[in-house]
Structure formats: structure tokens, C-alpha cells
Amino acid sequence: MGWRGKDTVEGSRCLDILPLYHEGMLHYGLSSVWCWWNNRSGERTASIGVKMLHRTALELTYTVTPRGGDPEEMQYIVPLEWRPCNYGGERPYFFCPLCAQRVSKLYMAARKYFACRKCNDLAYASQQERYMFRMLSQAQKIREKLGGSLCTFDPFPERPRYMHRLTY
């Protein structure tokens, strides 16, 4: 939760349709498990069952344990849509189970359902930073892209070869 009191996208579990598609989990009749891992310890923190019912519907199955409550089994269908791409093929999208908006990512925050960012009332972490810290974060990202250190007291990195001076 940020200083303004909103949960953030970065602090919520995200179910992204593209990794599911690229991992081959969106084939008719296929049941699989998607897992979230702790980056530091390498332990599995959560998992969700994903079953492709037909081309336009995906079933999600997982367990939610509210604070101080009993575990609750969740099982519901999330509609899908396949949209054509510019250079051939097609790309899948979720429909948010709460507002029916077409999205590529569903989040689980305070609710027990996976829903879009708007339904969960999520903000990005950068939206909750104060102006000075947001500018500092942007400067550090630029320094990192140029191959320098994140410390703003270090000398600014050299202009990369072939980069236009105006861009630098």
C-alpha cells in the first residue's frame, strides 16, 4: 500500500495472458498450473489452476485465505477474445469478470477475484511517489540505460557510439 492508501500494481498478483499463451497453456481442453515465485528465496508463493474450456473461455481455480478466515475455494470462468494482429496471427485478451472490459492483465489485490486494474482500484508505484523522488527514479533509469551507475553523484556516462547527440 502506498502513502496515499492505494494498493499498487507492483504489489499485487498479476495474471498476464501473453505468458500463458507463449507457454502453450491456451489450448482447448488443457489443464495446467501457473505459479508465482519469490525472487529472493526461490520458493513458490502461490499457484492457480488454468483450464481452457473452449476457445473463448478459461476457467480459473485457486484457494483464497482471508486474514483470520477460513480458506475458500474459488472457481469461475473468465471470457477470452482473440484479436487479429497487423502482420498475421492473432492475440488473446481477457475480459474482466467484473466489468467486462478487454484487458491483457488481471490482478488480485484486496478482492478475492482476479479483475482488471480499474476494478481493483490499483495505482502504479510511480504514481504514488513524490515529485522529487519520481524525477530521481527517471534520472536513474536513464543513467542505467546509458551504462552508468544509479548513483547521481557519479560522473554522467559517456554518450554511446552511434547515438545522436540530440538524443543524448
Protein backbone atom coordinates (compact mmCIF):
# COMPACT_ATOMS: atom_id res chain seq x y z
CA MET A 1 0.00 0.00 0.00
CA GLY A 2 1.35 3.43 -0.92
CA TRP A 3 1.44 6.60 1.14
CA ARG A 4 -1.88 7.70 -0.38
CA GLY A 5 -3.54 4.50 0.74
CA LYS A 6 -3.96 2.75 -2.64
CA ASP A 7 -2.68 -0.72 -3.38
CA THR A 8 -0.20 -0.87 -6.25
CA VAL A 9 0.03 -2.98 -9.38
CA GLU A 10 3.55 -3.99 -8.36
CA GLY A 11 2.31 -5.30 -5.00
CA SER A 12 -0.48 -7.45 -6.47
CA ARG A 13 -0.51 -10.86 -8.10
CA CYS A 14 -0.76 -10.46 -11.86
CA LEU A 15 -2.16 -12.96 -14.34
CA ASP A 16 -0.87 -11.95 -17.77
CA ILE A 17 -2.45 -13.55 -20.86
CA LEU A 18 0.71 -13.40 -23.03
CA PRO A 19 2.93 -15.68 -20.90
CA LEU A 20 0.01 -18.13 -20.69
CA TYR A 21 -0.25 -18.03 -24.48
CA HIS A 22 3.51 -18.33 -25.08
CA GLU A 23 3.78 -21.25 -22.62
CA GLY A 24 1.12 -23.10 -24.63
CA MET A 25 -1.49 -23.08 -21.86
CA LEU A 26 -4.30 -21.79 -24.08
CA HIS A 27 -5.11 -24.97 -25.99
CA TYR A 28 -8.61 -26.47 -25.86
CA GLY A 29 -9.07 -28.97 -23.03
CA LEU A 30 -5.65 -28.37 -21.49
CA SER A 31 -5.42 -28.06 -17.70
CA SER A 32 -2.27 -26.57 -16.22
CA VAL A 33 -0.94 -24.68 -13.21
CA TRP A 34 0.54 -21.17 -13.21
CA CYS A 35 2.86 -20.38 -10.28
CA TRP A 36 4.28 -17.25 -8.67
CA TRP A 37 7.75 -17.45 -7.12
CA ASN A 38 9.64 -15.45 -4.51
CA ASN A 39 12.62 -13.89 -6.31
CA ARG A 40 14.85 -13.94 -3.24
CA SER A 41 14.24 -17.40 -1.81
CA GLY A 42 13.10 -19.20 -4.96
CA GLU A 43 10.08 -20.61 -3.12
CA ARG A 44 6.64 -20.89 -4.70
CA THR A 45 4.35 -18.28 -3.12
CA ALA A 46 1.08 -19.05 -4.93
CA SER A 47 -0.42 -21.02 -7.78
CA ILE A 48 -3.57 -21.06 -9.84
CA GLY A 49 -5.20 -23.77 -11.91
CA VAL A 50 -5.91 -22.76 -15.50
CA LYS A 51 -8.20 -24.85 -17.72
CA MET A 52 -9.09 -23.93 -21.27
CA LEU A 53 -12.77 -24.86 -21.63
CA HIS A 54 -13.11 -23.70 -25.22
CA ARG A 55 -11.63 -21.02 -27.43
CA THR A 56 -13.43 -18.16 -25.69
CA ALA A 57 -13.44 -19.29 -22.05
CA LEU A 58 -10.80 -20.02 -19.42
CA GLU A 59 -11.55 -21.50 -16.00
CA LEU A 60 -9.52 -20.30 -13.00
CA THR A 61 -9.28 -22.41 -9.83
CA TYR A 62 -7.46 -21.35 -6.66
CA THR A 63 -7.77 -21.07 -2.89
CA VAL A 64 -8.08 -17.75 -1.05
CA THR A 65 -7.42 -17.46 2.67
CA PRO A 66 -8.60 -14.10 4.05
CA ARG A 67 -6.88 -12.76 7.17
CA GLY A 68 -8.29 -14.57 10.17
CA GLY A 69 -10.70 -16.53 7.97
CA ASP A 70 -11.12 -20.00 6.59
CA PRO A 71 -9.74 -21.00 3.18
CA GLU A 72 -12.22 -20.56 0.36
CA GLU A 73 -12.10 -22.42 -2.96
CA MET A 74 -12.59 -20.10 -5.94
CA GLN A 75 -13.62 -21.39 -9.34
CA TYR A 76 -15.01 -19.21 -12.12
CA ILE A 77 -14.85 -18.64 -15.85
CA VAL A 78 -13.05 -15.74 -17.49
CA PRO A 79 -14.14 -14.95 -21.07
CA LEU A 80 -11.44 -14.58 -23.74
CA GLU A 81 -11.29 -12.78 -27.05
CA TRP A 82 -8.87 -13.38 -29.91
CA ARG A 83 -8.00 -10.29 -31.95
CA PRO A 84 -6.12 -10.31 -35.29
CA CYS A 85 -2.59 -8.88 -35.34
CA ASN A 86 -1.34 -6.49 -38.02
CA TYR A 87 1.08 -8.97 -39.61
CA GLY A 88 -0.99 -12.12 -39.30
CA GLY A 89 -1.89 -14.40 -36.46
CA GLU A 90 -3.98 -13.40 -33.51
CA ARG A 91 -3.56 -12.32 -29.90
CA PRO A 92 -5.66 -13.33 -26.88
CA TYR A 93 -7.24 -10.94 -24.36
CA PHE A 94 -9.12 -11.45 -21.10
CA PHE A 95 -12.49 -9.89 -20.40
CA CYS A 96 -12.53 -8.64 -16.82
CA PRO A 97 -15.00 -10.82 -14.86
CA LEU A 98 -16.37 -7.75 -13.04
CA CYS A 99 -16.65 -5.01 -15.67
CA ALA A 100 -16.30 -6.98 -18.96
CA GLN A 101 -13.54 -4.65 -20.22
CA ARG A 102 -10.97 -6.21 -22.60
CA VAL A 103 -7.56 -6.38 -20.84
CA SER A 104 -4.31 -8.32 -21.11
CA LYS A 105 -3.65 -8.50 -17.35
CA LEU A 106 -5.82 -9.41 -14.40
CA TYR A 107 -4.80 -8.57 -10.83
CA MET A 108 -5.71 -9.90 -7.43
CA ALA A 109 -5.49 -7.26 -4.74
CA ALA A 110 -7.97 -6.79 -1.90
CA ARG A 111 -10.75 -8.72 -3.63
CA LYS A 112 -10.82 -12.47 -3.90
CA TYR A 113 -11.34 -12.36 -7.67
CA PHE A 114 -8.86 -11.65 -10.42
CA ALA A 115 -10.02 -8.43 -12.08
CA CYS A 116 -8.65 -5.53 -14.10
CA ARG A 117 -6.61 -2.71 -12.60
CA LYS A 118 -9.58 -0.33 -12.51
CA CYS A 119 -11.91 -2.76 -10.72
CA ASN A 120 -9.22 -3.40 -8.10
CA ASP A 121 -8.58 0.35 -7.78
CA LEU A 122 -4.83 -0.15 -8.26
CA ALA A 123 -2.26 2.55 -8.91
CA TYR A 124 1.27 2.27 -10.23
CA ALA A 125 4.02 2.75 -7.65
CA SER A 126 5.39 5.73 -9.59
CA GLN A 127 2.01 7.49 -9.28
CA GLN A 128 2.38 7.47 -5.52
CA GLU A 129 5.95 8.80 -5.39
CA ARG A 130 6.51 12.42 -4.59
CA TYR A 131 7.62 14.61 -7.47
CA MET A 132 11.27 14.80 -6.41
CA PHE A 133 11.60 11.02 -5.99
CA ARG A 134 9.80 10.35 -9.28
CA MET A 135 12.28 12.61 -11.08
CA LEU A 136 15.18 10.87 -9.31
CA SER A 137 13.84 7.46 -10.41
CA GLN A 138 13.61 8.68 -14.02
CA ALA A 139 17.19 10.02 -13.89
CA GLN A 140 18.45 6.70 -12.51
CA LYS A 141 16.68 4.76 -15.28
CA ILE A 142 18.30 7.00 -17.92
CA ARG A 143 21.75 6.56 -16.32
CA GLU A 144 21.25 2.79 -16.23
CA LYS A 145 20.22 2.67 -19.92
CA LEU A 146 23.39 4.59 -20.81
CA GLY A 147 25.52 2.05 -18.92
CA GLY A 148 26.25 4.18 -15.86
CA SER A 149 25.64 3.63 -12.17
CA LEU A 150 22.43 4.52 -10.36
CA CYS A 151 24.27 6.95 -8.09
CA THR A 152 23.64 10.50 -9.26
CA PHE A 153 26.91 11.68 -7.68
CA ASP A 154 28.98 9.56 -10.09
CA PRO A 155 30.08 11.15 -13.38
CA PHE A 156 27.47 11.01 -16.14
CA PRO A 157 28.16 8.12 -18.55
CA GLU A 158 29.71 8.76 -21.96
CA ARG A 159 27.49 9.06 -25.00
CA PRO A 160 27.14 5.62 -26.59
CA ARG A 161 28.61 5.19 -30.05
CA TYR A 162 26.09 5.90 -32.85
CA MET A 163 23.63 7.67 -30.51
CA HIS A 164 22.58 11.05 -31.84
CA ARG A 165 23.85 13.96 -29.78
CA LEU A 166 20.35 15.42 -29.57
CA THR A 167 19.06 12.13 -28.12
CA TYR A 168 21.93 12.01 -25.61
